[in-house]
Protein backbone atom coordinates (compact mmCIF):
# COMPACT_ATOMS: atom_id res chain seq x y z
CA MET A 1 139.42 -7.96 84.42
CA ILE A 2 135.81 -8.23 85.53
CA PHE A 3 133.49 -11.01 84.34
CA LEU A 4 129.83 -10.67 85.26
CA ARG A 5 126.65 -12.70 84.95
CA ASN A 6 125.75 -11.44 81.47
CA LEU A 7 128.78 -13.15 80.01
CA PHE A 8 127.87 -16.46 81.62
CA LEU A 9 124.20 -16.66 80.84
CA PRO A 10 122.86 -14.58 77.97
CA LYS A 11 119.16 -14.88 77.23
CA VAL A 12 118.89 -18.27 75.55
CA SER A 13 116.60 -21.25 75.82
CA ARG A 14 117.08 -23.73 78.64
CA LYS A 15 118.29 -26.31 76.14
CA ASP A 16 121.11 -24.11 74.92
CA LYS A 17 122.11 -22.69 78.30
CA LEU A 18 124.82 -25.26 79.06
CA ALA A 19 126.33 -24.82 75.62
CA GLN A 20 126.33 -21.05 76.02
CA LEU A 21 127.96 -21.38 79.43
CA SER A 22 130.69 -23.60 78.04
CA LYS A 23 131.29 -21.06 75.29
CA ALA A 24 131.50 -18.21 77.81
CA LEU A 25 134.00 -20.14 79.93
CA GLY A 26 136.07 -20.81 76.86
CA THR A 27 135.99 -17.11 75.98
CA ILE A 28 137.33 -16.15 79.40
CA THR A 29 140.09 -18.74 79.10
CA ASP A 30 141.04 -17.44 75.65
CA ILE A 31 141.14 -13.85 76.90
CA LEU A 32 143.45 -14.83 79.74
CA LEU A 33 145.79 -16.82 77.52
CA LEU A 34 145.98 -14.10 74.85
CA HIS A 35 146.68 -11.37 77.38
CA ARG A 36 150.26 -10.15 77.51
CA GLY A 37 151.71 -8.81 80.71
CA PRO A 38 150.57 -9.04 84.33
CA ILE A 39 146.90 -9.25 85.33
CA LEU A 40 146.59 -7.09 88.42
CA LYS A 41 142.81 -7.25 89.01
CA PHE A 42 140.37 -10.10 88.41
CA HIS A 43 136.72 -9.96 89.54
CA LEU A 44 134.46 -12.94 88.84
CA SER A 45 130.73 -13.22 89.58
CA ILE A 46 129.33 -16.76 89.40
CA PRO A 47 125.55 -16.70 88.78
CA PRO A 48 123.12 -18.52 91.11
CA ASP A 49 121.82 -20.94 88.49
CA SER A 50 125.19 -22.09 87.22
CA PRO A 51 126.04 -25.81 87.39
CA SER A 52 128.31 -27.20 90.09
CA ARG A 53 131.93 -26.09 90.20
CA GLN A 54 133.05 -29.16 88.23
CA CYS A 55 131.65 -27.44 85.13
CA LEU A 56 133.71 -24.33 85.70
CA ARG A 57 137.31 -23.68 84.82
CA THR A 58 137.91 -21.38 87.72
CA ASP A 59 140.71 -23.53 89.11
CA PHE A 60 142.67 -23.08 85.92
CA TRP A 61 142.06 -19.33 85.96
CA ILE A 62 143.32 -19.05 89.53
CA GLN A 63 146.41 -21.03 88.56
CA TYR A 64 147.02 -18.75 85.59
CA LEU A 65 146.52 -15.62 87.71
CA SER A 66 148.93 -16.86 90.37
CA ASN A 67 151.67 -16.84 87.74
CA ASN A 68 150.77 -13.42 86.34
CA GLY A 69 151.10 -11.01 89.26
CA ILE A 70 147.50 -10.89 90.51
CA ARG A 71 147.03 -8.25 93.23
CA ASP A 72 143.26 -7.81 93.52
CA LEU A 73 141.09 -10.96 93.40
CA GLU A 74 137.33 -11.13 93.96
CA ILE A 75 135.19 -14.26 93.66
CA PHE A 76 131.48 -13.57 94.17
CA ASN A 77 129.85 -16.99 94.13
CA LYS A 78 126.04 -16.86 94.01
CA SER A 79 125.58 -20.55 93.24
CA LEU A 80 124.16 -23.06 95.71
CA PHE A 81 127.51 -24.78 96.11
CA PRO A 82 130.46 -23.17 97.91
CA TYR A 83 133.52 -22.90 95.74
CA ARG A 84 136.59 -24.59 97.20
CA MET A 85 139.49 -22.31 96.45
CA PRO A 86 142.31 -24.24 94.75
CA SER A 87 145.78 -24.47 96.26
CA TYR A 88 147.02 -22.02 93.62
CA LEU A 89 145.41 -19.20 95.59
CA PHE A 90 148.01 -19.71 98.30
CA SER A 91 150.79 -19.23 95.75
CA CYS A 92 150.02 -15.63 94.82
CA PRO A 93 152.98 -13.69 96.25
CA GLY A 94 151.73 -10.26 95.18
CA LEU A 95 148.10 -10.64 96.28
CA SER A 96 147.08 -7.49 98.19
CA TYR A 97 143.25 -7.43 98.08
CA LEU A 98 141.13 -10.56 98.52
CA THR A 99 137.31 -10.70 98.49
CA LEU A 100 135.52 -14.05 98.63
CA THR A 101 131.82 -14.91 98.90
CA ASN A 102 130.46 -18.43 99.44
CA CYS A 103 133.83 -20.16 99.28
CA ILE A 104 135.96 -22.65 101.20
CA LEU A 105 139.49 -21.77 102.27
CA ASN A 106 141.54 -24.92 102.74
CA PRO A 107 145.23 -23.95 102.84
CA PRO A 108 147.88 -26.62 102.24
CA SER A 109 149.48 -28.11 105.35
CA ARG A 110 152.80 -26.41 104.62
CA PHE A 111 151.29 -23.03 103.83
CA GLY A 112 153.36 -20.34 105.54
CA GLY A 113 150.81 -17.56 105.13
CA PHE A 114 150.19 -14.62 102.81
CA TYR A 115 152.82 -11.90 102.79
CA ASN A 116 151.37 -8.87 101.01
CA LEU A 117 147.65 -8.85 101.82
CA ILE A 118 146.36 -5.41 102.80
CA SER A 119 142.59 -5.98 102.78
CA VAL A 120 140.53 -9.17 103.17
CA LYS A 121 136.73 -9.44 103.02
CA LEU A 122 135.17 -12.87 103.51
CA THR A 123 131.41 -13.48 103.34
CA ASN A 124 129.91 -16.89 104.06
CA VAL A 125 133.35 -18.50 103.93
CA LEU A 126 134.45 -21.71 105.64
CA ILE A 127 138.05 -21.71 106.88
CA THR A 128 139.20 -25.29 107.45
CA ALA A 129 142.79 -24.96 108.67
CA GLU A 130 145.28 -22.55 110.23
CA THR A 131 145.55 -19.48 108.01
CA SER A 132 147.71 -16.39 108.24
CA PHE A 133 146.95 -13.22 106.29
CA GLY A 134 150.35 -11.74 107.11
CA THR A 135 151.60 -8.74 109.05
CA LYS A 136 150.77 -6.18 106.33
CA LEU A 137 147.01 -6.70 106.67
CA GLU A 138 145.24 -3.42 107.47
CA GLN A 139 141.56 -4.34 107.04
CA LEU A 140 139.71 -7.57 107.81
CA ILE A 141 135.94 -7.99 107.32
CA LEU A 142 134.27 -11.29 108.22
CA GLU A 143 130.55 -11.85 107.60
CA ARG A 144 128.80 -15.14 108.44
CA CYS A 145 132.09 -17.02 108.41
CA THR A 146 132.86 -20.36 110.03
CA GLY A 147 136.25 -21.47 111.28
CA ILE A 148 137.65 -18.08 112.24
CA GLU A 149 139.33 -19.79 115.20
CA HIS A 150 141.91 -20.80 112.59
CA LEU A 151 143.01 -17.17 112.38
CA GLY A 152 144.93 -17.51 115.64
CA SER A 153 148.06 -15.97 114.15
CA LEU A 154 146.16 -12.86 113.10
CA PHE A 155 147.14 -10.65 116.02
CA ILE A 156 150.83 -11.31 116.33
CA PRO A 157 152.78 -8.47 117.98
CA ASP A 158 153.93 -6.81 114.74
CA ASN A 159 150.55 -6.80 112.97
CA ASN A 160 149.22 -3.66 111.24
CA LEU A 161 145.48 -4.32 111.45
CA GLY A 162 143.55 -1.06 111.75
CA VAL A 163 140.00 -2.12 110.77
CA LEU A 164 138.29 -5.26 112.10
CA MET A 165 134.62 -6.03 111.41
CA ILE A 166 133.10 -9.36 112.47
CA THR A 167 129.43 -10.13 111.82
CA ASP A 168 127.61 -13.37 112.70
CA SER A 169 130.79 -15.43 112.58
CA ARG A 170 131.12 -18.46 114.82
CA GLU A 171 133.75 -19.49 117.35
CA LEU A 172 135.21 -16.07 118.02
CA ASP A 173 138.42 -16.48 120.01
CA TRP A 174 138.94 -13.47 122.26
CA GLU A 175 142.65 -14.22 122.48
CA LEU A 176 142.87 -12.68 119.01
CA PHE A 177 142.58 -9.28 120.69
CA GLU A 178 145.67 -9.60 122.85
CA CYS A 179 147.79 -7.75 120.26
CA SER A 180 145.40 -5.17 118.81
CA GLU A 181 147.21 -1.92 119.57
CA LYS A 182 146.77 -0.50 116.06
CA LEU A 183 143.03 -1.05 115.71
CA LYS A 184 141.16 2.17 114.92
CA LEU A 185 137.76 0.77 113.92
CA THR A 186 136.21 -2.33 115.45
CA SER A 187 132.75 -3.73 114.76
CA LEU A 188 131.53 -6.84 116.59
CA MET A 189 128.02 -7.85 115.55
CA LEU A 190 127.59 -11.23 117.20
CA THR A 191 123.81 -11.72 117.27
CA GLY A 192 122.90 -15.36 116.89
CA VAL A 193 126.46 -16.58 117.42
CA ALA A 194 127.08 -19.27 119.99
CA ASN A 195 129.66 -18.36 122.59
CA SER A 196 133.15 -19.61 121.99
CA LYS A 197 134.45 -22.34 124.25
CA LYS A 198 137.24 -19.98 125.15
CA LYS A 199 137.08 -17.90 128.31
CA ASP A 200 134.86 -14.83 128.47
CA ILE A 201 136.37 -11.49 127.54
CA ASN A 202 137.49 -9.03 130.16
CA LEU A 203 136.17 -5.60 129.18
CA GLU A 204 139.03 -3.78 130.88
CA LYS A 205 141.57 -5.88 129.00
CA LEU A 206 139.77 -5.52 125.68
CA VAL A 207 139.73 -1.72 125.92
CA SER A 208 143.31 -1.39 127.12
CA ASN A 209 144.47 -3.50 124.16
CA MET A 210 143.02 -0.96 121.69
CA PRO A 211 144.59 2.39 122.68
CA ARG A 212 144.21 3.92 119.19
CA ILE A 213 140.56 2.99 118.66
CA ASN A 214 138.41 5.87 117.34
CA SER A 215 135.26 4.01 116.28
CA LEU A 216 133.46 1.12 117.98
CA LEU A 217 130.32 -0.73 116.91
CA PHE A 218 128.81 -3.42 119.14
CA ASP A 219 125.50 -5.23 119.25
CA GLY A 220 123.64 -6.21 122.39
CA HIS A 221 124.78 -9.80 122.07
CA PHE A 222 128.36 -8.65 122.66
CA CYS A 223 127.61 -8.25 126.37
CA LYS A 224 126.95 -11.98 126.67
CA PHE A 225 130.63 -12.61 125.99
CA LEU A 226 131.82 -10.34 128.82
CA GLU A 227 132.85 -11.61 132.21
CA PRO A 228 129.89 -11.58 134.65
CA GLY A 229 129.76 -8.43 136.71
CA GLU A 230 132.64 -6.79 134.89
CA ALA A 231 130.79 -3.51 134.25
CA ILE A 232 129.56 -3.27 137.84
CA SER A 233 133.08 -2.68 139.10
CA GLU A 234 133.48 0.46 141.18
CA ARG A 235 136.59 1.51 139.28
CA PRO A 236 136.16 2.77 135.70
CA ILE A 237 137.84 0.93 132.85
CA THR A 238 140.73 2.34 130.87
CA LYS A 239 139.87 5.60 129.12
CA MET A 240 139.58 5.41 125.34
CA GLU A 241 141.02 8.85 124.66
CA ASN A 242 140.86 8.58 120.86
CA LEU A 243 137.33 7.20 120.61
CA ASN A 244 134.93 9.67 118.95
CA SER A 245 132.23 7.34 117.57
CA LEU A 246 130.37 4.68 119.57
CA SER A 247 127.45 2.64 118.22
CA PHE A 248 125.26 -0.04 119.77
CA GLU A 249 122.71 -2.09 117.82
CA GLY A 250 120.14 -4.46 119.27
CA VAL A 251 120.29 -2.90 122.74
CA GLU A 252 117.56 -3.93 125.18
CA PHE A 253 116.77 -1.27 127.77
CA HIS A 254 114.95 -3.89 129.84
CA ASP A 255 118.25 -5.81 130.13
CA LEU A 256 119.73 -3.98 133.10
CA VAL A 257 123.11 -5.73 132.90
CA GLN A 258 123.39 -4.78 129.24
CA ILE A 259 122.69 -1.13 130.03
CA GLN A 260 125.44 -1.17 132.64
CA TYR A 261 127.95 -2.17 129.98
CA VAL A 262 126.68 0.57 127.67
CA LEU A 263 127.09 3.17 130.41
CA CYS A 264 130.52 1.81 131.25
CA LEU A 265 131.77 2.21 127.67
CA ILE A 266 130.23 5.67 127.30
CA GLY A 267 131.85 6.80 130.53
CA SER A 268 135.22 5.52 129.34
CA SER A 269 135.10 7.68 126.19
CA PRO A 270 135.93 11.24 127.33
CA ASN A 271 136.22 12.57 123.76
CA LEU A 272 133.10 10.92 122.38
CA GLN A 273 131.38 13.00 119.67
CA TYR A 274 128.84 10.61 118.13
CA LEU A 275 126.60 8.08 119.89
CA LEU A 276 124.13 5.71 118.21
CA ILE A 277 121.81 3.36 120.07
CA GLU A 278 119.40 1.16 118.15
CA GLN A 279 117.04 -0.88 120.27
CA GLY A 280 116.44 -4.53 119.59
CA PRO A 281 113.05 -6.23 119.29
CA LYS A 282 111.05 -6.29 122.50
CA VAL A 283 110.99 -9.67 124.21
CA LYS A 284 107.40 -10.89 124.23
CA SER A 285 107.64 -12.26 127.77
CA LEU A 286 108.32 -8.73 129.02
CA ASP A 287 105.30 -7.10 127.41
CA GLY A 288 103.80 -4.71 129.92
CA MET A 289 106.70 -5.02 132.37
CA GLU A 290 109.24 -2.72 130.72
CA GLU A 291 107.40 0.36 131.96
CA PHE A 292 108.25 -0.64 135.55
CA LEU A 293 111.95 -1.34 134.98
CA SER A 294 114.28 1.40 136.17
CA ILE A 295 117.96 2.05 135.47
CA GLU A 296 118.09 4.99 137.88
CA PRO A 297 120.27 3.11 140.42
CA PHE A 298 122.94 2.69 137.75
CA LEU A 299 122.70 6.33 136.71
CA ARG A 300 123.43 7.26 140.33
CA SER A 301 126.46 4.97 140.65
CA PRO A 302 129.89 6.55 141.34
CA ASN A 303 130.91 5.99 137.72
CA SER A 304 127.82 7.72 136.29
CA ILE A 305 126.71 10.46 138.64
CA ASP A 306 129.67 12.72 137.81
CA MET A 307 129.87 11.77 134.14
CA ILE A 308 130.11 14.79 131.83
CA LEU A 309 130.28 14.13 128.09
CA TYR A 310 131.98 17.38 127.15
CA HIS A 311 132.46 16.61 123.45
CA LEU A 312 129.29 14.68 122.60
CA ARG A 313 127.56 16.56 119.78
CA THR A 314 125.32 14.05 117.99
CA VAL A 315 123.09 11.33 119.42
CA GLU A 316 120.78 8.96 117.52
CA ILE A 317 118.20 6.80 119.29
CA ARG A 318 116.51 4.37 116.91
CA CYS A 319 113.41 2.24 117.48
CA THR A 320 112.17 4.44 120.32
CA VAL A 321 109.30 2.94 122.35
CA GLY A 322 109.22 5.32 125.32
CA SER A 323 109.80 2.77 128.08
CA ARG A 324 110.70 4.00 131.55
CA ALA A 325 114.31 2.81 131.34
CA GLU A 326 114.73 4.33 127.89
CA LEU A 327 113.40 7.71 129.00
CA GLN A 328 115.67 7.68 132.05
CA PHE A 329 118.64 7.03 129.79
CA ILE A 330 117.66 9.90 127.46
CA GLN A 331 117.22 12.22 130.44
CA PHE A 332 120.69 11.27 131.64
CA LEU A 333 122.26 12.00 128.23
CA LEU A 334 120.60 15.40 127.96
CA ALA A 335 121.76 16.40 131.43
CA SER A 336 125.33 15.18 130.84
CA SER A 337 126.08 16.61 127.37
CA PRO A 338 126.81 20.37 127.41
CA SER A 339 128.00 20.39 123.77
CA LEU A 340 125.07 18.45 122.33
CA ARG A 341 123.83 19.85 119.02
CA ARG A 342 121.47 17.24 117.63
CA LEU A 343 119.40 14.48 119.24
CA THR A 344 117.55 12.36 116.68
CA PHE A 345 114.80 9.85 117.44
CA THR A 346 113.20 7.23 115.22
CA TYR A 347 110.02 5.59 116.47
CA ASP A 348 109.82 1.83 116.60
CA THR A 349 107.43 0.36 114.02
CA SER A 350 105.19 -0.79 116.88
CA ILE A 351 104.49 2.85 117.85
CA ARG A 352 101.71 3.80 115.44
CA ASP A 353 99.21 5.62 117.64
CA PRO A 354 99.71 9.41 117.24
CA ARG A 355 98.72 9.88 120.88
CA GLU A 356 101.51 7.58 122.04
CA LYS A 357 104.02 9.39 119.85
CA LEU A 358 102.86 12.68 121.35
CA ARG A 359 103.21 11.28 124.88
CA ILE A 360 106.81 10.26 124.25
CA SER A 361 107.81 13.53 122.59
CA LEU A 362 106.20 15.67 125.33
CA LYS A 363 107.93 13.64 128.01
CA ILE A 364 111.34 14.19 126.42
CA LYS A 365 110.68 17.92 126.01
CA GLN A 366 110.31 18.16 129.79
CA PHE A 367 113.86 16.95 130.41
CA ARG A 368 116.49 19.51 131.32
CA SER A 369 119.28 19.84 128.78
CA ALA A 370 122.82 20.90 129.66
CA SER A 371 123.13 22.32 126.15
CA THR A 372 121.16 25.39 125.10
CA ALA A 373 121.85 24.62 121.44
CA ALA A 374 120.53 21.05 121.42
CA GLN A 375 118.00 20.36 118.66
CA VAL A 376 115.59 17.42 119.01
CA VAL A 377 114.56 15.84 115.71
CA TRP A 378 111.90 13.16 115.18
CA LYS A 379 111.86 10.92 112.13
């Protein structure tokens, strides 16, 4: 069952809107009560201009669904007020797919956890107490969530989590990654998130805990959570043999420590096929200085000088500005990738002068490429 905005608020005058809403809510209740048999899927979209949750009968619907075999539940709350999920949600034994937007999860004190959840997506959700999604969970997506430190039981030894995506969610506890052997796709977009009070993450430990990983997506802010100096170590970190896709967003080429971490992860991915680097906004205080910054010493380090990316075929560089450090990095990639087939550039919006675009493109054309089949594309 899917109930959308049109059912809640048909085109009526402002005076009749509340009456129409009450009628729509009654219609949904009647449909549920008249239905015979289990209700496996229930998607509800609450419109932005609806009254506060006291006017809704959602609690009753959740209670009814919990007794009728619900497996796929989605609450998309567009109203100004977060919807506090009723305790009945935690009494849905067959629930397998849960999607919540703008809600509050407040599990009962004796809640033992979900048992059959396979996929959970939470957007703008507040988690107020210890919550377990169970050992069957395969996909977890958290966007702008608060209280994820209450997911401490997420990575127990027998978990089955294969996809983990965390975006702008506060209080990330790195201890969650101690049992992450089955992860295949991990995305950590932490821009704007204050560092957890927990200890910084050890890059070597993080990588070794994800032996099956084949796709990684980090933003530049991720490096702020790493132990100081970790990427400068003379010994390379554990090889990620299964990794074929590596993406970085918000990377600052003028941040030399950040670039070291990027190089460290690239060098630890011997079977890498796809690499994406999207630069972040240029820091105003560095205007005019980035052309003097050089990453050449890092490209000549023991971990980089002999680096050959035998399987790298596709590279995307977004928000290109043509700084010295950026061009050195591009030169390094071209010289180290004998199987490269396509190198795509997208100019930063600040690069508008055709002469500057020509300068950057001509400079890159001068670089030696280890691949005779490499095609350079500008967008």
